[in-house]
Amino acid sequence: MATATKDAADNKNENTKAEAPASSLTDKERDQIAQMPYEEARDNLIKAVQALEAGGLNLDQSMHQWEVGEALAKRAQSLLNEVRAKLENAEAEQQSTAATAGTQSNLE
């Protein structure tokens, strides 16, 4: 009995792993989002959220807007993470040279 239960659980786990949710985003939409600057991604994300909040969309349209919003949010967050990393690197560089700033040794 325990073996049958284990086999059923294994089959369920395999089915769950194999089933990836289908996306309604086209390759063109993905490419466009991947190329967007932060401000455009943010503005389009706001529009996607407003469209969902306004209602009046059928299920397929709502799912598509949600997927667009998710992709836009990921793009915006990725760009913010890049900027954060650049700022942290600049700050670390500034701190490493702070001891010699304004002295003759930093000119050598």
PDB file of N, CA and C in Angstrom:
ATOM      1  N   MET A   1       0.818  -1.181   0.000  1.00  0.00           N
ATOM      2  CA  MET A   1       0.000   0.000   0.000  1.00  0.00           C
ATOM      3  C   MET A   1       0.868   1.254   0.000  1.00  0.00           C
ATOM      4  N   ALA A   2       1.953   1.244   0.785  1.00  0.00           N
ATOM      5  CA  ALA A   2       2.845   2.397   0.856  1.00  0.00           C
ATOM      6  C   ALA A   2       3.533   2.615  -0.486  1.00  0.00           C
ATOM      7  N   THR A   3       3.834   1.542  -1.203  1.00  0.00           N
ATOM      8  CA  THR A   3       4.486   1.656  -2.507  1.00  0.00           C
ATOM      9  C   THR A   3       3.561   2.325  -3.510  1.00  0.00           C
ATOM     10  N   ALA A   4       2.278   1.980  -3.500  1.00  0.00           N
ATOM     11  CA  ALA A   4       1.317   2.591  -4.423  1.00  0.00           C
ATOM     12  C   ALA A   4       1.188   4.082  -4.147  1.00  0.00           C
ATOM     13  N   THR A   5       1.158   4.438  -2.884  1.00  0.00           N
ATOM     14  CA  THR A   5       1.064   5.850  -2.526  1.00  0.00           C
ATOM     15  C   THR A   5       2.312   6.600  -2.963  1.00  0.00           C
ATOM     16  N   LYS A   6       3.480   5.975  -2.763  1.00  0.00           N
ATOM     17  CA  LYS A   6       4.733   6.604  -3.163  1.00  0.00           C
ATOM     18  C   LYS A   6       4.789   6.756  -4.678  1.00  0.00           C
ATOM     19  N   ASP A   7       4.346   5.729  -5.416  1.00  0.00           N
ATOM     20  CA  ASP A   7       4.333   5.806  -6.876  1.00  0.00           C
ATOM     21  C   ASP A   7       3.409   6.911  -7.363  1.00  0.00           C
ATOM     22  N   ALA A   8       2.262   7.046  -6.748  1.00  0.00           N
ATOM     23  CA  ALA A   8       1.322   8.096  -7.128  1.00  0.00           C
ATOM     24  C   ALA A   8       1.919   9.472  -6.851  1.00  0.00           C
ATOM     25  N   ALA A   9       2.586   9.617  -5.719  1.00  0.00           N
ATOM     26  CA  ALA A   9       3.224  10.893  -5.387  1.00  0.00           C
ATOM     27  C   ALA A   9       4.348  11.205  -6.366  1.00  0.00           C
ATOM     28  N   ASP A  10       5.134  10.181  -6.734  1.00  0.00           N
ATOM     29  CA  ASP A  10       6.216  10.385  -7.705  1.00  0.00           C
ATOM     30  C   ASP A  10       5.661  10.817  -9.053  1.00  0.00           C
ATOM     31  N   ASN A  11       4.572  10.171  -9.487  1.00  0.00           N
ATOM     32  CA  ASN A  11       3.952  10.542 -10.764  1.00  0.00           C
ATOM     33  C   ASN A  11       3.420  11.971 -10.719  1.00  0.00           C
ATOM     34  N   LYS A  12       2.828  12.349  -9.600  1.00  0.00           N
ATOM     35  CA  LYS A  12       2.304  13.704  -9.466  1.00  0.00           C
ATOM     36  C   LYS A  12       3.449  14.715  -9.535  1.00  0.00           C
ATOM     37  N   ASN A  13       4.564  14.425  -8.855  1.00  0.00           N
ATOM     38  CA  ASN A  13       5.721  15.325  -8.878  1.00  0.00           C
ATOM     39  C   ASN A  13       6.289  15.443 -10.285  1.00  0.00           C
ATOM     40  N   GLU A  14       6.373  14.325 -11.015  1.00  0.00           N
ATOM     41  CA  GLU A  14       6.885  14.357 -12.379  1.00  0.00           C
ATOM     42  C   GLU A  14       5.967  15.176 -13.277  1.00  0.00           C
ATOM     43  N   ASN A  15       4.647  15.014 -13.124  1.00  0.00           N
ATOM     44  CA  ASN A  15       3.707  15.770 -13.933  1.00  0.00           C
ATOM     45  C   ASN A  15       3.790  17.256 -13.628  1.00  0.00           C
ATOM     46  N   THR A  16       3.971  17.599 -12.358  1.00  0.00           N
ATOM     47  CA  THR A  16       4.070  18.998 -11.969  1.00  0.00           C
ATOM     48  C   THR A  16       5.316  19.630 -12.568  1.00  0.00           C
ATOM     49  N   LYS A  17       6.431  18.911 -12.557  1.00  0.00           N
ATOM     50  CA  LYS A  17       7.672  19.429 -13.106  1.00  0.00           C
ATOM     51  C   LYS A  17       7.572  19.589 -14.619  1.00  0.00           C
ATOM     52  N   ALA A  18       6.918  18.660 -15.280  1.00  0.00           N
ATOM     53  CA  ALA A  18       6.852  18.674 -16.733  1.00  0.00           C
ATOM     54  C   ALA A  18       5.884  19.725 -17.260  1.00  0.00           C
ATOM     55  N   GLU A  19       4.891  20.084 -16.487  1.00  0.00           N
ATOM     56  CA  GLU A  19       3.874  21.023 -16.938  1.00  0.00           C
ATOM     57  C   GLU A  19       4.291  22.452 -16.627  1.00  0.00           C
ATOM     58  N   ALA A  20       4.765  23.164 -17.645  1.00  0.00           N
ATOM     59  CA  ALA A  20       5.067  24.582 -17.482  1.00  0.00           C
ATOM     60  C   ALA A  20       3.875  25.366 -18.006  1.00  0.00           C
ATOM     61  N   PRO A  21       3.475  26.384 -17.292  1.00  0.00           N
ATOM     62  CA  PRO A  21       2.318  27.142 -17.760  1.00  0.00           C
ATOM     63  C   PRO A  21       2.604  27.795 -19.108  1.00  0.00           C
ATOM     64  N   ALA A  22       1.622  27.726 -19.975  1.00  0.00           N
ATOM     65  CA  ALA A  22       1.760  28.344 -21.289  1.00  0.00           C
ATOM     66  C   ALA A  22       1.691  29.853 -21.127  1.00  0.00           C
ATOM     67  N   SER A  23       2.465  30.541 -21.925  1.00  0.00           N
ATOM     68  CA  SER A  23       2.474  32.002 -21.865  1.00  0.00           C
ATOM     69  C   SER A  23       1.783  32.562 -23.091  1.00  0.00           C
ATOM     70  N   SER A  24       1.064  33.640 -22.882  1.00  0.00           N
ATOM     71  CA  SER A  24       0.395  34.283 -24.008  1.00  0.00           C
ATOM     72  C   SER A  24       1.276  35.366 -24.625  1.00  0.00           C
ATOM     73  N   LEU A  25       2.454  35.607 -24.035  1.00  0.00           N
ATOM     74  CA  LEU A  25       3.357  36.607 -24.595  1.00  0.00           C
ATOM     75  C   LEU A  25       4.016  36.072 -25.862  1.00  0.00           C
ATOM     76  N   THR A  26       4.067  36.910 -26.874  1.00  0.00           N
ATOM     77  CA  THR A  26       4.746  36.525 -28.107  1.00  0.00           C
ATOM     78  C   THR A  26       6.239  36.810 -27.963  1.00  0.00           C
ATOM     79  N   ASP A  27       7.017  36.215 -28.836  1.00  0.00           N
ATOM     80  CA  ASP A  27       8.455  36.488 -28.827  1.00  0.00           C
ATOM     81  C   ASP A  27       8.712  37.971 -29.073  1.00  0.00           C
ATOM     82  N   LYS A  28       7.912  38.575 -29.945  1.00  0.00           N
ATOM     83  CA  LYS A  28       8.061  40.004 -30.234  1.00  0.00           C
ATOM     84  C   LYS A  28       7.827  40.834 -28.979  1.00  0.00           C
ATOM     85  N   GLU A  29       6.776  40.494 -28.217  1.00  0.00           N
ATOM     86  CA  GLU A  29       6.494  41.229 -26.979  1.00  0.00           C
ATOM     87  C   GLU A  29       7.638  41.048 -25.985  1.00  0.00           C
ATOM     88  N   ARG A  30       8.150  39.833 -25.870  1.00  0.00           N
ATOM     89  CA  ARG A  30       9.268  39.574 -24.954  1.00  0.00           C
ATOM     90  C   ARG A  30      10.492  40.400 -25.349  1.00  0.00           C
ATOM     91  N   ASP A  31      10.779  40.421 -26.654  1.00  0.00           N
ATOM     92  CA  ASP A  31      11.931  41.186 -27.140  1.00  0.00           C
ATOM     93  C   ASP A  31      11.752  42.675 -26.891  1.00  0.00           C
ATOM     94  N   GLN A  32      10.543  43.179 -27.133  1.00  0.00           N
ATOM     95  CA  GLN A  32      10.279  44.598 -26.909  1.00  0.00           C
ATOM     96  C   GLN A  32      10.476  44.963 -25.439  1.00  0.00           C
ATOM     97  N   ILE A  33       9.954  44.124 -24.563  1.00  0.00           N
ATOM     98  CA  ILE A  33      10.090  44.381 -23.126  1.00  0.00           C
ATOM     99  C   ILE A  33      11.557  44.313 -22.716  1.00  0.00           C
ATOM    100  N   ALA A  34      12.285  43.353 -23.266  1.00  0.00           N
ATOM    101  CA  ALA A  34      13.697  43.187 -22.911  1.00  0.00           C
ATOM    102  C   ALA A  34      14.550  44.380 -23.328  1.00  0.00           C
ATOM    103  N   GLN A  35      14.083  45.151 -24.295  1.00  0.00           N
ATOM    104  CA  GLN A  35      14.835  46.306 -24.779  1.00  0.00           C
ATOM    105  C   GLN A  35      14.391  47.631 -24.150  1.00  0.00           C
ATOM    106  N   MET A  36      13.327  47.601 -23.370  1.00  0.00           N
ATOM    107  CA  MET A  36      12.769  48.839 -22.820  1.00  0.00           C
ATOM    108  C   MET A  36      13.672  49.457 -21.768  1.00  0.00           C
ATOM    109  N   PRO A  37      13.788  50.796 -21.830  1.00  0.00           N
ATOM    110  CA  PRO A  37      14.447  51.480 -20.714  1.00  0.00           C
ATOM    111  C   PRO A  37      13.524  51.446 -19.491  1.00  0.00           C
ATOM    112  N   TYR A  38      14.078  51.757 -18.355  1.00  0.00           N
ATOM    113  CA  TYR A  38      13.328  51.666 -17.104  1.00  0.00           C
ATOM    114  C   TYR A  38      12.019  52.454 -17.141  1.00  0.00           C
ATOM    115  N   GLU A  39      12.096  53.697 -17.575  1.00  0.00           N
ATOM    116  CA  GLU A  39      10.919  54.564 -17.532  1.00  0.00           C
ATOM    117  C   GLU A  39       9.780  54.017 -18.379  1.00  0.00           C
ATOM    118  N   GLU A  40      10.109  53.480 -19.541  1.00  0.00           N
ATOM    119  CA  GLU A  40       9.074  52.920 -20.416  1.00  0.00           C
ATOM    120  C   GLU A  40       8.471  51.663 -19.799  1.00  0.00           C
ATOM    121  N   ALA A  41       9.317  50.818 -19.229  1.00  0.00           N
ATOM    122  CA  ALA A  41       8.815  49.602 -18.574  1.00  0.00           C
ATOM    123  C   ALA A  41       7.905  49.975 -17.405  1.00  0.00           C
ATOM    124  N   ARG A  42       8.316  50.961 -16.621  1.00  0.00           N
ATOM    125  CA  ARG A  42       7.504  51.409 -15.481  1.00  0.00           C
ATOM    126  C   ARG A  42       6.162  51.961 -15.944  1.00  0.00           C
ATOM    127  N   ASP A  43       6.197  52.824 -16.964  1.00  0.00           N
ATOM    128  CA  ASP A  43       4.960  53.422 -17.459  1.00  0.00           C
ATOM    129  C   ASP A  43       4.010  52.376 -18.037  1.00  0.00           C
ATOM    130  N   ASN A  44       4.556  51.421 -18.770  1.00  0.00           N
ATOM    131  CA  ASN A  44       3.718  50.357 -19.331  1.00  0.00           C
ATOM    132  C   ASN A  44       3.192  49.420 -18.246  1.00  0.00           C
ATOM    133  N   LEU A  45       3.967  49.227 -17.205  1.00  0.00           N
ATOM    134  CA  LEU A  45       3.500  48.426 -16.072  1.00  0.00           C
ATOM    135  C   LEU A  45       2.307  49.112 -15.410  1.00  0.00           C
ATOM    136  N   ILE A  46       2.400  50.405 -15.240  1.00  0.00           N
ATOM    137  CA  ILE A  46       1.280  51.163 -14.651  1.00  0.00           C
ATOM    138  C   ILE A  46       0.030  51.002 -15.517  1.00  0.00           C
ATOM    139  N   LYS A  47       0.194  51.086 -16.828  1.00  0.00           N
ATOM    140  CA  LYS A  47      -0.944  50.930 -17.739  1.00  0.00           C
ATOM    141  C   LYS A  47      -1.543  49.526 -17.641  1.00  0.00           C
ATOM    142  N   ALA A  48      -0.681  48.507 -17.531  1.00  0.00           N
ATOM    143  CA  ALA A  48      -1.175  47.127 -17.427  1.00  0.00           C
ATOM    144  C   ALA A  48      -1.976  46.943 -16.136  1.00  0.00           C
ATOM    145  N   VAL A  49      -1.472  47.496 -15.050  1.00  0.00           N
ATOM    146  CA  VAL A  49      -2.171  47.395 -13.764  1.00  0.00           C
ATOM    147  C   VAL A  49      -3.506  48.138 -13.829  1.00  0.00           C
ATOM    148  N   GLN A  50      -3.500  49.316 -14.425  1.00  0.00           N
ATOM    149  CA  GLN A  50      -4.740  50.086 -14.548  1.00  0.00           C
ATOM    150  C   GLN A  50      -5.769  49.343 -15.392  1.00  0.00           C
ATOM    151  N   ALA A  51      -5.323  48.685 -16.455  1.00  0.00           N
ATOM    152  CA  ALA A  51      -6.243  47.917 -17.298  1.00  0.00           C
ATOM    153  C   ALA A  51      -6.872  46.779 -16.499  1.00  0.00           C
ATOM    154  N   LEU A  52      -6.076  46.129 -15.663  1.00  0.00           N
ATOM    155  CA  LEU A  52      -6.605  45.042 -14.836  1.00  0.00           C
ATOM    156  C   LEU A  52      -7.559  45.581 -13.770  1.00  0.00           C
ATOM    157  N   GLU A  53      -7.189  46.694 -13.164  1.00  0.00           N
ATOM    158  CA  GLU A  53      -8.032  47.267 -12.122  1.00  0.00           C
ATOM    159  C   GLU A  53      -9.352  47.794 -12.677  1.00  0.00           C
ATOM    160  N   ALA A  54      -9.333  48.290 -13.909  1.00  0.00           N
ATOM    161  CA  ALA A  54     -10.548  48.842 -14.518  1.00  0.00           C
ATOM    162  C   ALA A  54     -11.574  47.760 -14.808  1.00  0.00           C
ATOM    163  N   GLY A  55     -11.094  46.538 -15.005  1.00  0.00           N
ATOM    164  CA  GLY A  55     -11.998  45.437 -15.305  1.00  0.00           C
ATOM    165  C   GLY A  55     -12.490  45.514 -16.744  1.00  0.00           C
ATOM    166  N   GLY A  56     -13.475  44.724 -17.042  1.00  0.00           N
ATOM    167  CA  GLY A  56     -14.038  44.720 -18.382  1.00  0.00           C
ATOM    168  C   GLY A  56     -13.280  43.841 -19.361  1.00  0.00           C
ATOM    169  N   LEU A  57     -12.213  43.193 -18.911  1.00  0.00           N
ATOM    170  CA  LEU A  57     -11.449  42.304 -19.771  1.00  0.00           C
ATOM    171  C   LEU A  57     -11.954  40.883 -19.597  1.00  0.00           C
ATOM    172  N   ASN A  58     -11.920  40.119 -20.668  1.00  0.00           N
ATOM    173  CA  ASN A  58     -12.272  38.712 -20.511  1.00  0.00           C
ATOM    174  C   ASN A  58     -11.084  37.988 -19.875  1.00  0.00           C
ATOM    175  N   LEU A  59     -11.234  36.728 -19.599  1.00  0.00           N
ATOM    176  CA  LEU A  59     -10.203  35.975 -18.890  1.00  0.00           C
ATOM    177  C   LEU A  59      -8.887  35.956 -19.661  1.00  0.00           C
ATOM    178  N   ASP A  60      -8.933  35.706 -20.954  1.00  0.00           N
ATOM    179  CA  ASP A  60      -7.708  35.662 -21.761  1.00  0.00           C
ATOM    180  C   ASP A  60      -7.007  37.013 -21.775  1.00  0.00           C
ATOM    181  N   GLN A  61      -7.778  38.083 -21.910  1.00  0.00           N
ATOM    182  CA  GLN A  61      -7.193  39.422 -21.907  1.00  0.00           C
ATOM    183  C   GLN A  61      -6.577  39.752 -20.545  1.00  0.00           C
ATOM    184  N   SER A  62      -7.277  39.354 -19.497  1.00  0.00           N
ATOM    185  CA  SER A  62      -6.758  39.594 -18.152  1.00  0.00           C
ATOM    186  C   SER A  62      -5.452  38.837 -17.922  1.00  0.00           C
ATOM    187  N   MET A  63      -5.412  37.585 -18.337  1.00  0.00           N
ATOM    188  CA  MET A  63      -4.193  36.790 -18.183  1.00  0.00           C
ATOM    189  C   MET A  63      -3.044  37.400 -18.980  1.00  0.00           C
ATOM    190  N   HIS A  64      -3.352  37.878 -20.189  1.00  0.00           N
ATOM    191  CA  HIS A  64      -2.315  38.483 -21.010  1.00  0.00           C
ATOM    192  C   HIS A  64      -1.785  39.756 -20.344  1.00  0.00           C
ATOM    193  N   GLN A  65      -2.679  40.596 -19.846  1.00  0.00           N
ATOM    194  CA  GLN A  65      -2.250  41.816 -19.161  1.00  0.00           C
ATOM    195  C   GLN A  65      -1.405  41.485 -17.938  1.00  0.00           C
ATOM    196  N   TRP A  66      -1.795  40.449 -17.216  1.00  0.00           N
ATOM    197  CA  TRP A  66      -1.035  40.043 -16.031  1.00  0.00           C
ATOM    198  C   TRP A  66       0.367  39.587 -16.433  1.00  0.00           C
ATOM    199  N   GLU A  67       0.461  38.788 -17.509  1.00  0.00           N
ATOM    200  CA  GLU A  67       1.774  38.318 -17.961  1.00  0.00           C
ATOM    201  C   GLU A  67       2.635  39.467 -18.457  1.00  0.00           C
ATOM    202  N   VAL A  68       2.033  40.408 -19.156  1.00  0.00           N
ATOM    203  CA  VAL A  68       2.765  41.596 -19.601  1.00  0.00           C
ATOM    204  C   VAL A  68       3.277  42.350 -18.378  1.00  0.00           C
ATOM    205  N   GLY A  69       2.399  42.527 -17.397  1.00  0.00           N
ATOM    206  CA  GLY A  69       2.787  43.226 -16.173  1.00  0.00           C
ATOM    207  C   GLY A  69       3.927  42.536 -15.451  1.00  0.00           C
ATOM    208  N   GLU A  70       3.880  41.225 -15.363  1.00  0.00           N
ATOM    209  CA  GLU A  70       4.960  40.461 -14.721  1.00  0.00           C
ATOM    210  C   GLU A  70       6.281  40.672 -15.452  1.00  0.00           C
ATOM    211  N   ALA A  71       6.241  40.585 -16.774  1.00  0.00           N
ATOM    212  CA  ALA A  71       7.460  40.761 -17.576  1.00  0.00           C
ATOM    213  C   ALA A  71       8.002  42.183 -17.427  1.00  0.00           C
ATOM    214  N   LEU A  72       7.109  43.162 -17.422  1.00  0.00           N
ATOM    215  CA  LEU A  72       7.539  44.553 -17.254  1.00  0.00           C
ATOM    216  C   LEU A  72       8.133  44.786 -15.865  1.00  0.00           C
ATOM    217  N   ALA A  73       7.527  44.211 -14.849  1.00  0.00           N
ATOM    218  CA  ALA A  73       8.041  44.351 -13.486  1.00  0.00           C
ATOM    219  C   ALA A  73       9.430  43.734 -13.367  1.00  0.00           C
ATOM    220  N   LYS A  74       9.623  42.574 -13.974  1.00  0.00           N
ATOM    221  CA  LYS A  74      10.941  41.929 -13.943  1.00  0.00           C
ATOM    222  C   LYS A  74      11.980  42.781 -14.666  1.00  0.00           C
ATOM    223  N   ARG A  75      11.587  43.357 -15.811  1.00  0.00           N
ATOM    224  CA  ARG A  75      12.507  44.210 -16.560  1.00  0.00           C
ATOM    225  C   ARG A  75      12.898  45.432 -15.726  1.00  0.00           C
ATOM    226  N   ALA A  76      11.914  46.102 -15.150  1.00  0.00           N
ATOM    227  CA  ALA A  76      12.189  47.287 -14.352  1.00  0.00           C
ATOM    228  C   ALA A  76      13.080  46.940 -13.154  1.00  0.00           C
ATOM    229  N   GLN A  77      12.788  45.837 -12.484  1.00  0.00           N
ATOM    230  CA  GLN A  77      13.581  45.435 -11.325  1.00  0.00           C
ATOM    231  C   GLN A  77      15.008  45.087 -11.733  1.00  0.00           C
ATOM    232  N   SER A  78      15.154  44.445 -12.869  1.00  0.00           N
ATOM    233  CA  SER A  78      16.485  44.107 -13.365  1.00  0.00           C
ATOM    234  C   SER A  78      17.310  45.369 -13.621  1.00  0.00           C
ATOM    235  N   LEU A  79      16.686  46.363 -14.236  1.00  0.00           N
ATOM    236  CA  LEU A  79      17.389  47.622 -14.499  1.00  0.00           C
ATOM    237  C   LEU A  79      17.747  48.332 -13.203  1.00  0.00           C
ATOM    238  N   LEU A  80      16.843  48.316 -12.232  1.00  0.00           N
ATOM    239  CA  LEU A  80      17.136  48.919 -10.931  1.00  0.00           C
ATOM    240  C   LEU A  80      18.288  48.195 -10.237  1.00  0.00           C
ATOM    241  N   ASN A  81      18.317  46.872 -10.348  1.00  0.00           N
ATOM    242  CA  ASN A  81      19.411  46.095  -9.751  1.00  0.00           C
ATOM    243  C   ASN A  81      20.751  46.443 -10.390  1.00  0.00           C
ATOM    244  N   GLU A  82      20.748  46.660 -11.718  1.00  0.00           N
ATOM    245  CA  GLU A  82      21.979  47.049 -12.406  1.00  0.00           C
ATOM    246  C   GLU A  82      22.477  48.404 -11.898  1.00  0.00           C
ATOM    247  N   VAL A  83      21.572  49.350 -11.758  1.00  0.00           N
ATOM    248  CA  VAL A  83      21.951  50.678 -11.271  1.00  0.00           C
ATOM    249  C   VAL A  83      22.456  50.584  -9.838  1.00  0.00           C
ATOM    250  N   ARG A  84      21.772  49.790  -9.019  1.00  0.00           N
ATOM    251  CA  ARG A  84      22.194  49.625  -7.618  1.00  0.00           C
ATOM    252  C   ARG A  84      23.616  49.058  -7.553  1.00  0.00           C
ATOM    253  N   ALA A  85      23.912  48.081  -8.396  1.00  0.00           N
ATOM    254  CA  ALA A  85      25.246  47.489  -8.414  1.00  0.00           C
ATOM    255  C   ALA A  85      26.296  48.520  -8.840  1.00  0.00           C
ATOM    256  N   LYS A  86      25.977  49.339  -9.828  1.00  0.00           N
ATOM    257  CA  LYS A  86      26.909  50.384 -10.269  1.00  0.00           C
ATOM    258  C   LYS A  86      27.160  51.388  -9.152  1.00  0.00           C
ATOM    259  N   LEU A  87      26.102  51.776  -8.450  1.00  0.00           N
ATOM    260  CA  LEU A  87      26.257  52.719  -7.343  1.00  0.00           C
ATOM    261  C   LEU A  87      27.100  52.122  -6.214  1.00  0.00           C
ATOM    262  N   GLU A  88      26.864  50.868  -5.910  1.00  0.00           N
ATOM    263  CA  GLU A  88      27.643  50.207  -4.860  1.00  0.00           C
ATOM    264  C   GLU A  88      29.109  50.105  -5.254  1.00  0.00           C
ATOM    265  N   ASN A  89      29.385  49.809  -6.534  1.00  0.00           N
ATOM    266  CA  ASN A  89      30.770  49.750  -6.998  1.00  0.00           C
ATOM    267  C   ASN A  89      31.431  51.120  -6.935  1.00  0.00           C
ATOM    268  N   ALA A  90      30.701  52.157  -7.338  1.00  0.00           N
ATOM    269  CA  ALA A  90      31.249  53.507  -7.285  1.00  0.00           C
ATOM    270  C   ALA A  90      31.523  53.921  -5.839  1.00  0.00           C
ATOM    271  N   GLU A  91      30.613  53.564  -4.945  1.00  0.00           N
ATOM    272  CA  GLU A  91      30.798  53.900  -3.532  1.00  0.00           C
ATOM    273  C   GLU A  91      32.011  53.168  -2.959  1.00  0.00           C
ATOM    274  N   ALA A  92      32.166  51.905  -3.313  1.00  0.00           N
ATOM    275  CA  ALA A  92      33.313  51.137  -2.828  1.00  0.00           C
ATOM    276  C   ALA A  92      34.617  51.725  -3.371  1.00  0.00           C
ATOM    277  N   GLU A  93      34.605  52.129  -4.623  1.00  0.00           N
ATOM    278  CA  GLU A  93      35.802  52.733  -5.216  1.00  0.00           C
ATOM    279  C   GLU A  93      36.118  54.060  -4.535  1.00  0.00           C
ATOM    280  N   GLN A  94      35.070  54.831  -4.268  1.00  0.00           N
ATOM    281  CA  GLN A  94      35.269  56.113  -3.598  1.00  0.00           C
ATOM    282  C   GLN A  94      35.837  55.918  -2.201  1.00  0.00           C
ATOM    283  N   GLN A  95      35.346  54.928  -1.486  1.00  0.00           N
ATOM    284  CA  GLN A  95      35.835  54.666  -0.140  1.00  0.00           C
ATOM    285  C   GLN A  95      37.284  54.195  -0.157  1.00  0.00           C
ATOM    286  N   SER A  96      37.634  53.431  -1.193  1.00  0.00           N
ATOM    287  CA  SER A  96      39.006  52.927  -1.249  1.00  0.00           C
ATOM    288  C   SER A  96      40.001  54.038  -1.571  1.00  0.00           C
ATOM    289  N   THR A  97      39.555  55.101  -2.204  1.00  0.00           N
ATOM    290  CA  THR A  97      40.464  56.206  -2.526  1.00  0.00           C
ATOM    291  C   THR A  97      40.279  57.395  -1.594  1.00  0.00           C
ATOM    292  N   ALA A  98      39.372  57.318  -0.649  1.00  0.00           N
ATOM    293  CA  ALA A  98      39.070  58.444   0.237  1.00  0.00           C
ATOM    294  C   ALA A  98      40.270  58.821   1.096  1.00  0.00           C
ATOM    295  N   ALA A  99      41.073  57.873   1.487  1.00  0.00           N
ATOM    296  CA  ALA A  99      42.210  58.162   2.370  1.00  0.00           C
ATOM    297  C   ALA A  99      43.253  59.026   1.672  1.00  0.00           C
ATOM    298  N   THR A 100      43.351  58.913   0.371  1.00  0.00           N
ATOM    299  CA  THR A 100      44.381  59.681  -0.343  1.00  0.00           C
ATOM    300  C   THR A 100      43.806  60.864  -1.099  1.00  0.00           C
ATOM    301  N   ALA A 101      42.498  61.063  -1.038  1.00  0.00           N
ATOM    302  CA  ALA A 101      41.859  62.159  -1.765  1.00  0.00           C
ATOM    303  C   ALA A 101      42.429  63.492  -1.281  1.00  0.00           C
ATOM    304  N   GLY A 102      42.757  64.354  -2.214  1.00  0.00           N
ATOM    305  CA  GLY A 102      43.269  65.668  -1.880  1.00  0.00           C
ATOM    306  C   GLY A 102      44.729  65.682  -1.463  1.00  0.00           C
ATOM    307  N   THR A 103      45.411  64.578  -1.626  1.00  0.00           N
ATOM    308  CA  THR A 103      46.833  64.520  -1.269  1.00  0.00           C
ATOM    309  C   THR A 103      47.656  64.305  -2.516  1.00  0.00           C
ATOM    310  N   GLN A 104      48.923  64.502  -2.395  1.00  0.00           N
ATOM    311  CA  GLN A 104      49.832  64.335  -3.513  1.00  0.00           C
ATOM    312  C   GLN A 104      49.927  62.863  -3.936  1.00  0.00           C
ATOM    313  N   SER A 105      49.668  61.923  -3.002  1.00  0.00           N
ATOM    314  CA  SER A 105      49.836  60.500  -3.303  1.00  0.00           C
ATOM    315  C   SER A 105      48.810  59.989  -4.306  1.00  0.00           C
ATOM    316  N   ASN A 106      47.670  60.640  -4.427  1.00  0.00           N
ATOM    317  CA  ASN A 106      46.675  60.163  -5.384  1.00  0.00           C
ATOM    318  C   ASN A 106      47.010  60.607  -6.806  1.00  0.00           C
ATOM    319  N   LEU A 107      47.989  61.464  -6.962  1.00  0.00           N
ATOM    320  CA  LEU A 107      48.406  61.913  -8.294  1.00  0.00           C
ATOM    321  C   LEU A 107      49.520  61.053  -8.869  1.00  0.00           C
ATOM    322  N   GLU A 108      50.101  60.232  -8.071  1.00  0.00           N
ATOM    323  CA  GLU A 108      51.223  59.407  -8.510  1.00  0.00           C
ATOM    324  C   GLU A 108      50.792  58.181  -9.262  1.00  0.00           C
TER     325      GLU A 108
END
